[in-house]
Amino acid sequence: MSEELEPCPFCGKPPKVSENPLTLGLVSCGNTGCCNETFAYPEEWNTRPVEDALHARIAELEQGWIPNEPDSWNFCPYPCEVRYDANGKPTHHRQLPPEDK
């Protein structure tokens, strides 16, 4: 196995590779008290579609703000307050509460 196995996505404990003849080579959580009772092939164990999607979205959102670029706060679609330092660089961003109707 060339790739190191990630911890269990449910409890964070290290995984174990089965030595049982029925599940030989399959990976499962090494924590006997974990709710994750599934076995997976080693190449599938590290697949985290939800985490991958979240990391992709975070990267996308981070591209909207570039540190030390005053105009980069324009990505915010909500009414917001931005404070700048003496050099015109943003130092604080806060979404304003919705107006009472």
Protein backbone atom coordinates (compact mmCIF):
# COMPACT_ATOMS: atom_id res chain seq x y z
CA MET A 1 0.00 0.00 0.00
CA SER A 2 1.75 3.14 -1.21
CA GLU A 3 -0.65 5.69 0.26
CA GLU A 4 -0.95 6.19 4.00
CA LEU A 5 -4.45 5.47 5.30
CA GLU A 6 -6.38 8.37 6.79
CA PRO A 7 -8.03 8.08 10.21
CA CYS A 8 -11.64 6.95 10.54
CA PRO A 9 -13.97 9.73 9.32
CA PHE A 10 -16.32 9.11 12.25
CA CYS A 11 -14.11 8.79 15.32
CA GLY A 12 -10.66 9.86 14.09
CA LYS A 13 -8.92 6.68 15.28
CA PRO A 14 -6.36 4.89 13.08
CA PRO A 15 -7.70 2.27 10.68
CA LYS A 16 -6.71 -1.39 10.64
CA VAL A 17 -6.17 -3.76 7.74
CA SER A 18 -8.05 -7.01 8.22
CA GLU A 19 -6.20 -10.30 8.52
CA ASN A 20 -9.44 -12.31 8.59
CA PRO A 21 -9.60 -14.69 5.58
CA LEU A 22 -13.11 -13.45 4.74
CA THR A 23 -12.10 -9.78 4.69
CA LEU A 24 -8.36 -10.11 4.04
CA GLY A 25 -6.77 -6.82 3.02
CA LEU A 26 -9.88 -4.73 3.63
CA VAL A 27 -9.67 -1.64 5.84
CA SER A 28 -11.95 -0.80 8.75
CA CYS A 29 -11.86 1.41 11.82
CA GLY A 30 -9.47 0.20 14.51
CA ASN A 31 -11.78 1.43 17.27
CA THR A 32 -14.10 -1.38 18.38
CA GLY A 33 -16.52 1.16 19.87
CA CYS A 34 -16.89 3.17 16.65
CA CYS A 35 -20.18 3.39 14.79
CA ASN A 36 -18.34 2.79 11.48
CA GLU A 37 -18.61 -0.94 10.90
CA THR A 38 -17.88 -0.89 7.17
CA PHE A 39 -14.98 -2.50 5.36
CA ALA A 40 -13.41 -0.85 2.33
CA TYR A 41 -10.63 -1.50 -0.11
CA PRO A 42 -7.54 0.52 0.81
CA GLU A 43 -7.89 2.80 -2.25
CA GLU A 44 -11.50 3.58 -1.26
CA TRP A 45 -10.83 4.16 2.46
CA ASN A 46 -9.28 7.60 1.89
CA THR A 47 -12.19 8.77 -0.27
CA ARG A 48 -14.00 11.60 1.53
CA PRO A 49 -16.47 13.12 -0.99
CA VAL A 50 -18.08 15.49 1.52
CA GLU A 51 -14.75 16.70 2.87
CA ASP A 52 -13.39 17.08 -0.66
CA ALA A 53 -16.43 19.16 -1.65
CA LEU A 54 -16.06 21.34 1.46
CA HIS A 55 -12.34 21.91 0.83
CA ALA A 56 -13.12 22.84 -2.79
CA ARG A 57 -15.80 25.34 -1.67
CA ILE A 58 -13.49 26.86 0.96
CA ALA A 59 -10.79 27.33 -1.66
CA GLU A 60 -13.35 28.93 -3.99
CA LEU A 61 -14.48 31.36 -1.28
CA GLU A 62 -10.92 32.19 -0.30
CA GLN A 63 -10.24 33.27 -3.86
CA GLY A 64 -12.79 36.05 -3.34
CA TRP A 65 -10.62 37.74 -0.71
CA ILE A 66 -7.01 38.56 -1.36
CA PRO A 67 -5.14 39.79 1.71
CA ASN A 68 -3.81 43.35 1.37
CA GLU A 69 -6.06 44.11 -1.62
CA PRO A 70 -8.68 46.69 -0.56
CA ASP A 71 -11.06 45.92 -3.42
CA SER A 72 -11.09 42.19 -2.70
CA TRP A 73 -13.88 42.59 -0.12
CA ASN A 74 -16.32 43.16 -2.97
CA PHE A 75 -17.12 39.44 -3.11
CA CYS A 76 -19.44 39.74 -0.11
CA PRO A 77 -23.06 39.60 -1.36
CA TYR A 78 -24.46 40.94 1.93
CA PRO A 79 -24.49 44.41 3.45
CA CYS A 80 -21.25 44.57 5.37
CA GLU A 81 -18.91 46.84 7.23
CA VAL A 82 -15.25 46.94 6.26
CA ARG A 83 -12.59 48.79 8.24
CA TYR A 84 -9.29 49.82 6.73
CA ASP A 85 -5.94 50.67 8.25
CA ALA A 86 -4.00 53.89 7.52
CA ASN A 87 -2.59 52.35 4.34
CA GLY A 88 -6.04 51.48 2.97
CA LYS A 89 -5.75 47.76 3.65
CA PRO A 90 -8.81 45.97 5.05
CA THR A 91 -8.43 44.94 8.67
CA HIS A 92 -11.98 43.99 9.64
CA HIS A 93 -15.04 42.62 7.87
CA ARG A 94 -18.44 42.17 9.50
CA GLN A 95 -21.76 41.24 7.98
CA LEU A 96 -24.44 43.69 9.09
CA PRO A 97 -27.61 42.33 10.67
CA PRO A 98 -30.73 42.34 8.47
CA GLU A 99 -32.87 45.43 8.74
CA ASP A 100 -36.02 45.14 10.84
CA LYS A 101 -39.19 45.37 8.79
